[in-house]
Amino acid sequence: MNNTMDASSEYQDSLPISSDSMLEKLDNWGIVYSRSDHVPLKTVKDSKKVQGQFLSSKEGGGHIKNLYLRDHKKRNLLLVTEQDKLIDLKTLNTKLGTGRLSFGSAERLMEYLGVRPGAVTPLSMINGAKMGVELFFDSELKNCKQIYVHPLVNDRTLGITVERLQIFFDKIKVEPVWVDL
């Protein structure tokens, strides 16, 4: 992989599915969302700088972090949780019913989810579903009016309801596991 490529839309054509193609699929499936374009956001800290344009957490905005994990049995997982939730990898496996967990590498991230670091998103399950990646969602996110997700690149953010996100998962035949963290 070329190290000069980043997770922005400038390099979306090097992904298995481009961000533009993802947006077209959502449109074709009738999944309504709002879209914001912004500077590339690599971390939760970066994303907090632009969150003023979205619903706040108090108003029902689901500002998330996405953790691509792998257990010692080589199971690949995507955990979606509220951005400020503290996650203890040493005990997380008991809540998820997995083996010992560690972060997946950038190479595996591309192989299994088709995105680069900084652009991990529940929408990357469009690739992950075919690769057997398991999806876990923090149950607290069910109460959000909008979940804010990247469309496979980190310089765009979509606002989408939990119900419409579930329609997406149904279309790609993924059943998220809702867990109490």
N, C-alpha and C. Protein backbone atom coordinates (compact mmCIF):
# COMPACT_ATOMS: atom_id res chain seq x y z
N MET A 1 0.84 -1.18 0.00
CA MET A 1 0.00 0.00 0.00
C MET A 1 0.89 1.24 0.00
N ASN A 2 0.52 2.19 -0.79
CA ASN A 2 1.26 3.45 -0.89
C ASN A 2 1.04 4.26 0.39
N ASN A 3 2.11 4.57 1.10
CA ASN A 3 1.99 5.26 2.37
C ASN A 3 1.56 6.71 2.24
N THR A 4 1.62 7.27 1.02
CA THR A 4 1.21 8.66 0.86
C THR A 4 -0.30 8.79 0.77
N MET A 5 -1.01 7.67 0.55
CA MET A 5 -2.47 7.72 0.50
C MET A 5 -3.01 7.85 1.91
N ASP A 6 -4.00 8.72 2.06
CA ASP A 6 -4.65 8.85 3.35
C ASP A 6 -6.10 8.40 3.23
N ALA A 7 -6.88 8.63 4.27
CA ALA A 7 -8.26 8.15 4.32
C ALA A 7 -9.26 9.15 3.75
N SER A 8 -8.77 10.18 3.05
CA SER A 8 -9.68 11.19 2.50
C SER A 8 -10.29 10.75 1.18
N SER A 9 -11.30 11.49 0.73
CA SER A 9 -11.98 11.16 -0.52
C SER A 9 -11.07 11.33 -1.73
N GLU A 10 -9.96 12.04 -1.58
CA GLU A 10 -9.01 12.19 -2.68
C GLU A 10 -8.53 10.82 -3.19
N TYR A 11 -8.46 9.85 -2.28
CA TYR A 11 -7.96 8.52 -2.64
C TYR A 11 -9.05 7.45 -2.62
N GLN A 12 -10.32 7.88 -2.69
CA GLN A 12 -11.41 6.92 -2.61
C GLN A 12 -11.41 5.89 -3.74
N ASP A 13 -10.84 6.23 -4.88
CA ASP A 13 -10.83 5.28 -5.99
C ASP A 13 -9.87 4.12 -5.77
N SER A 14 -9.03 4.21 -4.73
CA SER A 14 -8.12 3.10 -4.42
C SER A 14 -8.75 2.12 -3.43
N LEU A 15 -9.98 2.41 -3.00
CA LEU A 15 -10.69 1.53 -2.07
C LEU A 15 -11.50 0.48 -2.85
N PRO A 16 -11.80 -0.66 -2.23
CA PRO A 16 -12.63 -1.67 -2.90
C PRO A 16 -13.98 -1.10 -3.35
N ILE A 17 -14.57 -0.24 -2.52
CA ILE A 17 -15.80 0.48 -2.86
C ILE A 17 -15.54 1.95 -2.54
N SER A 18 -15.71 2.81 -3.52
CA SER A 18 -15.45 4.23 -3.29
C SER A 18 -16.57 4.84 -2.44
N SER A 19 -16.28 5.97 -1.83
CA SER A 19 -17.28 6.69 -1.06
C SER A 19 -18.44 7.10 -1.97
N ASP A 20 -18.13 7.57 -3.16
CA ASP A 20 -19.19 7.97 -4.10
C ASP A 20 -20.10 6.78 -4.42
N SER A 21 -19.51 5.60 -4.61
CA SER A 21 -20.31 4.39 -4.88
C SER A 21 -21.18 4.04 -3.68
N MET A 22 -20.63 4.21 -2.48
CA MET A 22 -21.40 3.94 -1.25
C MET A 22 -22.60 4.87 -1.17
N LEU A 23 -22.39 6.15 -1.44
CA LEU A 23 -23.49 7.12 -1.39
C LEU A 23 -24.56 6.78 -2.44
N GLU A 24 -24.11 6.34 -3.61
CA GLU A 24 -25.04 5.94 -4.67
C GLU A 24 -25.88 4.74 -4.23
N LYS A 25 -25.24 3.77 -3.57
CA LYS A 25 -25.98 2.60 -3.05
C LYS A 25 -27.03 3.04 -2.04
N LEU A 26 -26.64 3.90 -1.09
CA LEU A 26 -27.61 4.38 -0.10
C LEU A 26 -28.78 5.06 -0.78
N ASP A 27 -28.48 5.90 -1.79
CA ASP A 27 -29.54 6.60 -2.53
C ASP A 27 -30.45 5.58 -3.24
N ASN A 28 -29.85 4.61 -3.91
CA ASN A 28 -30.62 3.59 -4.65
C ASN A 28 -31.50 2.77 -3.71
N TRP A 29 -31.03 2.55 -2.50
CA TRP A 29 -31.79 1.77 -1.52
C TRP A 29 -32.81 2.63 -0.78
N GLY A 30 -32.87 3.93 -1.08
CA GLY A 30 -33.82 4.83 -0.44
C GLY A 30 -33.49 5.13 1.01
N ILE A 31 -32.21 5.02 1.36
CA ILE A 31 -31.77 5.29 2.73
C ILE A 31 -31.40 6.77 2.83
N VAL A 32 -32.21 7.52 3.54
CA VAL A 32 -32.04 8.97 3.66
C VAL A 32 -30.95 9.28 4.68
N TYR A 33 -30.12 10.26 4.37
CA TYR A 33 -29.05 10.71 5.25
C TYR A 33 -28.77 12.17 4.97
N SER A 34 -28.07 12.82 5.88
CA SER A 34 -27.55 14.17 5.61
C SER A 34 -26.05 14.02 5.42
N ARG A 35 -25.45 14.91 4.65
CA ARG A 35 -24.01 14.81 4.37
C ARG A 35 -23.32 16.13 4.67
N SER A 36 -22.17 16.02 5.32
CA SER A 36 -21.31 17.18 5.57
C SER A 36 -19.91 16.85 5.08
N ASP A 37 -19.29 17.78 4.38
CA ASP A 37 -17.90 17.63 3.96
C ASP A 37 -17.06 18.54 4.85
N HIS A 38 -15.87 18.08 5.19
CA HIS A 38 -15.02 18.81 6.14
C HIS A 38 -13.57 18.36 5.97
N VAL A 39 -12.70 18.93 6.78
CA VAL A 39 -11.29 18.52 6.75
C VAL A 39 -11.21 17.05 7.18
N PRO A 40 -10.17 16.32 6.73
CA PRO A 40 -10.02 14.93 7.17
C PRO A 40 -9.93 14.83 8.70
N LEU A 41 -10.68 13.89 9.25
CA LEU A 41 -10.72 13.67 10.70
C LEU A 41 -10.11 12.30 10.98
N LYS A 42 -8.97 12.29 11.66
CA LYS A 42 -8.28 11.02 11.90
C LYS A 42 -8.61 10.42 13.26
N THR A 43 -9.03 11.26 14.21
CA THR A 43 -9.26 10.80 15.58
C THR A 43 -10.53 11.42 16.14
N VAL A 44 -10.97 10.90 17.28
CA VAL A 44 -12.11 11.49 17.99
C VAL A 44 -11.79 12.95 18.33
N LYS A 45 -10.57 13.21 18.75
CA LYS A 45 -10.16 14.58 19.08
C LYS A 45 -10.35 15.50 17.87
N ASP A 46 -9.93 15.03 16.68
CA ASP A 46 -10.13 15.82 15.46
C ASP A 46 -11.63 16.05 15.21
N SER A 47 -12.42 14.99 15.36
CA SER A 47 -13.84 15.11 15.02
C SER A 47 -14.57 16.06 15.96
N LYS A 48 -14.11 16.17 17.19
CA LYS A 48 -14.76 17.09 18.13
C LYS A 48 -14.64 18.54 17.67
N LYS A 49 -13.64 18.84 16.83
CA LYS A 49 -13.45 20.20 16.34
C LYS A 49 -14.54 20.62 15.35
N VAL A 50 -15.22 19.65 14.71
CA VAL A 50 -16.26 19.99 13.73
C VAL A 50 -17.67 19.61 14.20
N GLN A 51 -17.78 19.09 15.41
CA GLN A 51 -19.08 18.58 15.86
C GLN A 51 -20.12 19.65 16.12
N GLY A 52 -19.72 20.91 16.13
CA GLY A 52 -20.69 21.99 16.32
C GLY A 52 -21.75 22.04 15.25
N GLN A 53 -21.46 21.48 14.07
CA GLN A 53 -22.43 21.50 12.98
C GLN A 53 -23.46 20.37 13.08
N PHE A 54 -23.28 19.48 14.05
CA PHE A 54 -24.16 18.32 14.21
C PHE A 54 -24.95 18.42 15.51
N LEU A 55 -25.95 17.56 15.68
CA LEU A 55 -26.65 17.48 16.95
C LEU A 55 -25.65 17.12 18.05
N SER A 56 -25.75 17.76 19.18
CA SER A 56 -24.87 17.40 20.30
C SER A 56 -25.34 16.08 20.90
N SER A 57 -24.51 15.47 21.72
CA SER A 57 -24.90 14.23 22.39
C SER A 57 -26.16 14.44 23.20
N LYS A 58 -26.28 15.60 23.86
CA LYS A 58 -27.47 15.90 24.67
C LYS A 58 -28.73 16.01 23.81
N GLU A 59 -28.56 16.44 22.55
CA GLU A 59 -29.69 16.59 21.63
C GLU A 59 -30.01 15.29 20.89
N GLY A 60 -29.25 14.23 21.17
CA GLY A 60 -29.50 12.95 20.51
C GLY A 60 -28.53 12.61 19.40
N GLY A 61 -27.43 13.35 19.32
CA GLY A 61 -26.41 13.06 18.31
C GLY A 61 -25.52 11.90 18.75
N GLY A 62 -25.38 10.92 17.89
CA GLY A 62 -24.53 9.76 18.18
C GLY A 62 -23.15 9.94 17.59
N HIS A 63 -22.27 10.51 18.38
CA HIS A 63 -20.89 10.71 17.96
C HIS A 63 -20.11 9.47 18.38
N ILE A 64 -19.58 8.75 17.41
CA ILE A 64 -19.08 7.40 17.67
C ILE A 64 -17.58 7.27 17.45
N LYS A 65 -17.05 6.18 18.00
CA LYS A 65 -15.72 5.72 17.62
C LYS A 65 -15.91 4.27 17.19
N ASN A 66 -15.08 3.85 16.27
CA ASN A 66 -15.17 2.54 15.67
C ASN A 66 -13.85 1.82 15.89
N LEU A 67 -13.91 0.69 16.56
CA LEU A 67 -12.69 -0.05 16.88
C LEU A 67 -12.66 -1.35 16.08
N TYR A 68 -11.64 -1.47 15.22
CA TYR A 68 -11.45 -2.71 14.47
C TYR A 68 -10.54 -3.60 15.32
N LEU A 69 -11.08 -4.74 15.73
CA LEU A 69 -10.40 -5.63 16.66
C LEU A 69 -10.29 -7.03 16.08
N ARG A 70 -9.36 -7.77 16.65
CA ARG A 70 -9.14 -9.15 16.22
C ARG A 70 -8.84 -9.94 17.49
N ASP A 71 -9.42 -11.15 17.59
CA ASP A 71 -9.10 -11.94 18.77
C ASP A 71 -8.03 -12.97 18.44
N HIS A 72 -7.56 -13.66 19.46
CA HIS A 72 -6.45 -14.59 19.26
C HIS A 72 -6.85 -15.79 18.41
N LYS A 73 -8.16 -15.95 18.15
CA LYS A 73 -8.62 -17.03 17.27
C LYS A 73 -8.79 -16.50 15.83
N LYS A 74 -8.31 -15.29 15.60
CA LYS A 74 -8.35 -14.62 14.29
C LYS A 74 -9.76 -14.21 13.85
N ARG A 75 -10.67 -14.04 14.81
CA ARG A 75 -11.99 -13.47 14.51
C ARG A 75 -11.81 -11.97 14.37
N ASN A 76 -12.43 -11.39 13.37
CA ASN A 76 -12.37 -9.94 13.14
C ASN A 76 -13.68 -9.32 13.58
N LEU A 77 -13.56 -8.20 14.33
CA LEU A 77 -14.73 -7.55 14.90
C LEU A 77 -14.67 -6.05 14.67
N LEU A 78 -15.83 -5.46 14.54
CA LEU A 78 -15.95 -4.01 14.52
C LEU A 78 -16.86 -3.63 15.68
N LEU A 79 -16.32 -2.83 16.60
CA LEU A 79 -17.08 -2.35 17.75
C LEU A 79 -17.38 -0.87 17.56
N VAL A 80 -18.66 -0.51 17.62
CA VAL A 80 -19.10 0.87 17.47
C VAL A 80 -19.65 1.32 18.82
N THR A 81 -19.08 2.39 19.35
CA THR A 81 -19.49 2.88 20.66
C THR A 81 -19.47 4.40 20.68
N GLU A 82 -20.05 4.97 21.70
CA GLU A 82 -20.04 6.42 21.87
C GLU A 82 -18.59 6.88 21.97
N GLN A 83 -18.28 8.02 21.37
CA GLN A 83 -16.90 8.47 21.22
C GLN A 83 -16.11 8.59 22.51
N ASP A 84 -16.76 8.90 23.62
CA ASP A 84 -16.04 9.11 24.88
C ASP A 84 -16.07 7.89 25.80
N LYS A 85 -16.69 6.81 25.36
CA LYS A 85 -16.78 5.61 26.19
C LYS A 85 -15.38 5.02 26.37
N LEU A 86 -15.03 4.75 27.62
CA LEU A 86 -13.74 4.11 27.91
C LEU A 86 -13.88 2.62 27.69
N ILE A 87 -13.00 2.07 26.89
CA ILE A 87 -13.04 0.64 26.56
C ILE A 87 -11.78 -0.02 27.10
N ASP A 88 -11.97 -1.05 27.90
CA ASP A 88 -10.85 -1.82 28.45
C ASP A 88 -10.73 -3.10 27.65
N LEU A 89 -9.71 -3.16 26.78
CA LEU A 89 -9.54 -4.33 25.92
C LEU A 89 -9.31 -5.61 26.72
N LYS A 90 -8.78 -5.47 27.95
CA LYS A 90 -8.51 -6.67 28.76
C LYS A 90 -9.79 -7.35 29.22
N THR A 91 -10.88 -6.58 29.39
CA THR A 91 -12.14 -7.17 29.86
C THR A 91 -13.23 -7.19 28.80
N LEU A 92 -13.01 -6.50 27.70
CA LEU A 92 -14.03 -6.41 26.64
C LEU A 92 -14.42 -7.77 26.10
N ASN A 93 -13.47 -8.69 26.00
CA ASN A 93 -13.76 -10.00 25.42
C ASN A 93 -14.86 -10.74 26.20
N THR A 94 -14.95 -10.52 27.52
CA THR A 94 -16.00 -11.20 28.29
C THR A 94 -17.38 -10.64 27.92
N LYS A 95 -17.46 -9.35 27.61
CA LYS A 95 -18.74 -8.74 27.21
C LYS A 95 -19.14 -9.15 25.79
N LEU A 96 -18.15 -9.38 24.93
CA LEU A 96 -18.44 -9.72 23.54
C LEU A 96 -18.44 -11.23 23.27
N GLY A 97 -17.96 -12.00 24.24
CA GLY A 97 -17.90 -13.45 24.05
C GLY A 97 -16.84 -13.87 23.05
N THR A 98 -15.69 -13.22 23.10
CA THR A 98 -14.61 -13.51 22.16
C THR A 98 -13.37 -13.96 22.94
N GLY A 99 -12.32 -14.26 22.19
CA GLY A 99 -11.02 -14.49 22.80
C GLY A 99 -10.36 -13.16 23.13
N ARG A 100 -9.11 -13.23 23.60
CA ARG A 100 -8.35 -12.00 23.90
C ARG A 100 -8.34 -11.09 22.68
N LEU A 101 -8.52 -9.80 22.90
CA LEU A 101 -8.66 -8.85 21.80
C LEU A 101 -7.45 -7.93 21.68
N SER A 102 -7.15 -7.57 20.44
CA SER A 102 -6.16 -6.55 20.16
C SER A 102 -6.63 -5.79 18.93
N PHE A 103 -6.00 -4.65 18.68
CA PHE A 103 -6.36 -3.87 17.49
C PHE A 103 -5.84 -4.56 16.24
N GLY A 104 -6.65 -4.52 15.18
CA GLY A 104 -6.22 -5.06 13.90
C GLY A 104 -5.27 -4.09 13.22
N SER A 105 -4.39 -4.61 12.41
CA SER A 105 -3.41 -3.78 11.70
C SER A 105 -4.07 -3.00 10.56
N ALA A 106 -3.36 -1.98 10.07
CA ALA A 106 -3.85 -1.19 8.94
C ALA A 106 -4.03 -2.07 7.70
N GLU A 107 -3.14 -3.04 7.52
CA GLU A 107 -3.24 -3.94 6.37
C GLU A 107 -4.51 -4.79 6.46
N ARG A 108 -4.76 -5.33 7.66
CA ARG A 108 -5.98 -6.14 7.84
C ARG A 108 -7.23 -5.29 7.74
N LEU A 109 -7.14 -4.06 8.23
CA LEU A 109 -8.26 -3.13 8.14
C LEU A 109 -8.67 -2.95 6.67
N MET A 110 -7.70 -2.76 5.81
CA MET A 110 -7.99 -2.63 4.37
C MET A 110 -8.51 -3.95 3.81
N GLU A 111 -7.89 -5.04 4.20
CA GLU A 111 -8.28 -6.36 3.68
C GLU A 111 -9.71 -6.73 4.09
N TYR A 112 -10.06 -6.50 5.37
CA TYR A 112 -11.33 -6.97 5.89
C TYR A 112 -12.46 -5.94 5.82
N LEU A 113 -12.14 -4.64 5.95
CA LEU A 113 -13.18 -3.62 5.93
C LEU A 113 -13.08 -2.66 4.75
N GLY A 114 -11.98 -2.70 4.01
CA GLY A 114 -11.85 -1.88 2.81
C GLY A 114 -11.71 -0.40 3.06
N VAL A 115 -11.15 -0.04 4.23
CA VAL A 115 -10.92 1.37 4.56
C VAL A 115 -9.54 1.54 5.17
N ARG A 116 -9.12 2.80 5.26
CA ARG A 116 -7.83 3.13 5.89
C ARG A 116 -8.07 3.62 7.32
N PRO A 117 -7.05 3.57 8.16
CA PRO A 117 -7.19 4.13 9.51
C PRO A 117 -7.69 5.57 9.45
N GLY A 118 -8.63 5.89 10.31
CA GLY A 118 -9.24 7.22 10.32
C GLY A 118 -10.59 7.25 9.62
N ALA A 119 -10.90 6.19 8.87
CA ALA A 119 -12.18 6.16 8.15
C ALA A 119 -13.01 4.93 8.52
N VAL A 120 -12.68 4.29 9.63
CA VAL A 120 -13.44 3.11 10.05
C VAL A 120 -14.86 3.55 10.39
N THR A 121 -15.84 2.77 9.96
CA THR A 121 -17.23 3.17 10.02
C THR A 121 -18.12 1.93 9.98
N PRO A 122 -19.31 2.01 10.57
CA PRO A 122 -20.24 0.88 10.40
C PRO A 122 -20.54 0.59 8.93
N LEU A 123 -20.46 1.62 8.08
CA LEU A 123 -20.72 1.42 6.64
C LEU A 123 -19.66 0.54 5.99
N SER A 124 -18.49 0.41 6.61
CA SER A 124 -17.45 -0.46 6.03
C SER A 124 -17.83 -1.93 6.12
N MET A 125 -18.92 -2.23 6.81
CA MET A 125 -19.42 -3.60 6.83
C MET A 125 -19.90 -4.04 5.45
N ILE A 126 -20.06 -3.10 4.53
CA ILE A 126 -20.39 -3.48 3.15
C ILE A 126 -19.28 -4.37 2.59
N ASN A 127 -18.05 -4.15 3.05
CA ASN A 127 -16.93 -5.03 2.71
C ASN A 127 -16.79 -6.13 3.76
N GLY A 128 -16.93 -5.76 5.03
CA GLY A 128 -16.72 -6.69 6.14
C GLY A 128 -17.67 -7.87 6.14
N ALA A 129 -18.89 -7.66 5.65
CA ALA A 129 -19.88 -8.74 5.63
C ALA A 129 -19.36 -9.94 4.83
N LYS A 130 -18.73 -9.66 3.70
CA LYS A 130 -18.20 -10.73 2.84
C LYS A 130 -16.99 -11.40 3.46
N MET A 131 -16.35 -10.71 4.41
CA MET A 131 -15.12 -11.21 5.02
C MET A 131 -15.36 -11.83 6.40
N GLY A 132 -16.63 -11.92 6.80
CA GLY A 132 -16.96 -12.54 8.08
C GLY A 132 -16.68 -11.68 9.30
N VAL A 133 -16.57 -10.37 9.13
CA VAL A 133 -16.36 -9.47 10.26
C VAL A 133 -17.65 -9.42 11.08
N GLU A 134 -17.53 -9.50 12.39
CA GLU A 134 -18.69 -9.42 13.28
C GLU A 134 -18.84 -7.99 13.76
N LEU A 135 -20.07 -7.51 13.80
CA LEU A 135 -20.37 -6.12 14.16
C LEU A 135 -21.04 -6.06 15.53
N PHE A 136 -20.46 -5.25 16.42
CA PHE A 136 -21.00 -5.04 17.76
C PHE A 136 -21.29 -3.55 17.93
N PHE A 137 -22.46 -3.23 18.47
CA PHE A 137 -22.88 -1.86 18.72
C PHE A 137 -23.16 -1.68 20.21
N ASP A 138 -22.71 -0.59 20.76
CA ASP A 138 -23.04 -0.21 22.13
C ASP A 138 -24.54 0.06 22.19
N SER A 139 -25.25 -0.61 23.10
CA SER A 139 -26.71 -0.47 23.23
C SER A 139 -27.15 0.96 23.45
N GLU A 140 -26.31 1.77 24.09
CA GLU A 140 -26.69 3.16 24.36
C GLU A 140 -26.96 3.95 23.08
N LEU A 141 -26.38 3.52 21.97
CA LEU A 141 -26.55 4.25 20.71
C LEU A 141 -27.96 4.10 20.14
N LYS A 142 -28.72 3.11 20.63
CA LYS A 142 -30.10 2.92 20.16
C LYS A 142 -30.96 4.15 20.43
N ASN A 143 -30.59 4.94 21.44
CA ASN A 143 -31.39 6.10 21.83
C ASN A 143 -31.07 7.36 21.04
N CYS A 144 -30.12 7.30 20.13
CA CYS A 144 -29.71 8.49 19.38
C CYS A 144 -30.70 8.82 18.26
N LYS A 145 -30.91 10.13 18.04
CA LYS A 145 -31.74 10.57 16.92
C LYS A 145 -30.99 10.42 15.60
N GLN A 146 -29.68 10.65 15.65
CA GLN A 146 -28.80 10.54 14.48
C GLN A 146 -27.50 9.88 14.92
N ILE A 147 -26.96 9.01 14.07
CA ILE A 147 -25.62 8.47 14.27
C ILE A 147 -24.77 9.12 13.17
N TYR A 148 -23.60 9.58 13.54
CA TYR A 148 -22.72 10.24 12.57
C TYR A 148 -21.62 9.28 12.15
N VAL A 149 -21.61 8.95 10.85
CA VAL A 149 -20.69 7.94 10.31
C VAL A 149 -19.96 8.48 9.10
N HIS A 150 -18.76 7.98 8.88
CA HIS A 150 -18.02 8.30 7.65
C HIS A 150 -18.49 7.36 6.54
N PRO A 151 -18.61 7.88 5.31
CA PRO A 151 -18.95 7.02 4.17
C PRO A 151 -17.67 6.47 3.51
N LEU A 152 -16.88 5.73 4.28
CA LEU A 152 -15.64 5.05 3.86
C LEU A 152 -14.44 5.97 3.71
N VAL A 153 -14.64 7.28 3.88
CA VAL A 153 -13.54 8.26 3.85
C VAL A 153 -13.73 9.19 5.05
N ASN A 154 -12.65 9.87 5.46
CA ASN A 154 -12.74 10.65 6.70
C ASN A 154 -12.89 12.16 6.50
N ASP A 155 -13.24 12.59 5.30
CA ASP A 155 -13.51 14.02 5.10
C ASP A 155 -14.97 14.27 4.73
N ARG A 156 -15.80 13.27 5.01
CA ARG A 156 -17.24 13.36 4.83
C ARG A 156 -17.88 12.69 6.04
N THR A 157 -19.00 13.24 6.49
CA THR A 157 -19.75 12.61 7.57
C THR A 157 -21.22 12.59 7.18
N LEU A 158 -21.85 11.45 7.42
CA LEU A 158 -23.27 11.30 7.18
C LEU A 158 -23.99 11.25 8.52
N GLY A 159 -25.13 11.90 8.59
CA GLY A 159 -26.04 11.76 9.72
C GLY A 159 -27.14 10.81 9.27
N ILE A 160 -27.37 9.74 10.05
CA ILE A 160 -28.33 8.72 9.67
C ILE A 160 -29.01 8.19 10.93
N THR A 161 -30.29 7.91 10.83
CA THR A 161 -30.99 7.39 12.00
C THR A 161 -30.60 5.93 12.22
N VAL A 162 -30.81 5.46 13.44
CA VAL A 162 -30.53 4.06 13.77
C VAL A 162 -31.40 3.15 12.89
N GLU A 163 -32.65 3.55 12.67
CA GLU A 163 -33.56 2.75 11.84
C GLU A 163 -33.06 2.64 10.40
N ARG A 164 -32.56 3.73 9.86
CA ARG A 164 -32.07 3.70 8.47
C ARG A 164 -30.74 2.95 8.39
N LEU A 165 -29.94 3.04 9.43
CA LEU A 165 -28.71 2.26 9.49
C LEU A 165 -29.05 0.76 9.50
N GLN A 166 -30.12 0.39 10.20
CA GLN A 166 -30.55 -1.01 10.23
C GLN A 166 -31.00 -1.46 8.84
N ILE A 167 -31.65 -0.58 8.08
CA ILE A 167 -32.03 -0.92 6.70
C ILE A 167 -30.78 -1.24 5.90
N PHE A 168 -29.73 -0.44 6.07
CA PHE A 168 -28.45 -0.70 5.39
C PHE A 168 -27.93 -2.09 5.78
N PHE A 169 -27.92 -2.39 7.09
CA PHE A 169 -27.43 -3.69 7.53
C PHE A 169 -28.27 -4.83 6.95
N ASP A 170 -29.59 -4.63 6.88
CA ASP A 170 -30.46 -5.64 6.27
C ASP A 170 -30.09 -5.87 4.81
N LYS A 171 -29.82 -4.78 4.07
CA LYS A 171 -29.47 -4.88 2.65
C LYS A 171 -28.18 -5.67 2.44
N ILE A 172 -27.21 -5.52 3.37
CA ILE A 172 -25.93 -6.22 3.19
C ILE A 172 -25.88 -7.51 4.02
N LYS A 173 -27.03 -7.86 4.62
CA LYS A 173 -27.17 -9.11 5.37
C LYS A 173 -26.21 -9.21 6.56
N VAL A 174 -26.21 -8.13 7.36
CA VAL A 174 -25.41 -8.08 8.59
C VAL A 174 -26.36 -7.86 9.76
N GLU A 175 -26.18 -8.64 10.81
CA GLU A 175 -26.99 -8.48 12.01
C GLU A 175 -26.09 -7.94 13.13
N PRO A 176 -26.21 -6.65 13.44
CA PRO A 176 -25.38 -6.11 14.53
C PRO A 176 -25.77 -6.75 15.86
N VAL A 177 -24.79 -6.97 16.71
CA VAL A 177 -25.03 -7.46 18.05
C VAL A 177 -24.99 -6.24 18.97
N TRP A 178 -26.09 -5.95 19.64
CA TRP A 178 -26.18 -4.81 20.55
C TRP A 178 -25.71 -5.28 21.93
N VAL A 179 -24.73 -4.61 22.48
CA VAL A 179 -24.14 -5.03 23.76
C VAL A 179 -24.15 -3.89 24.76
N ASP A 180 -24.30 -4.25 26.03
CA ASP A 180 -24.19 -3.27 27.11
C ASP A 180 -22.74 -3.17 27.52
N LEU A 181 -22.16 -2.00 27.30
CA LEU A 181 -20.76 -1.78 27.64
C LEU A 181 -20.68 -0.99 28.93
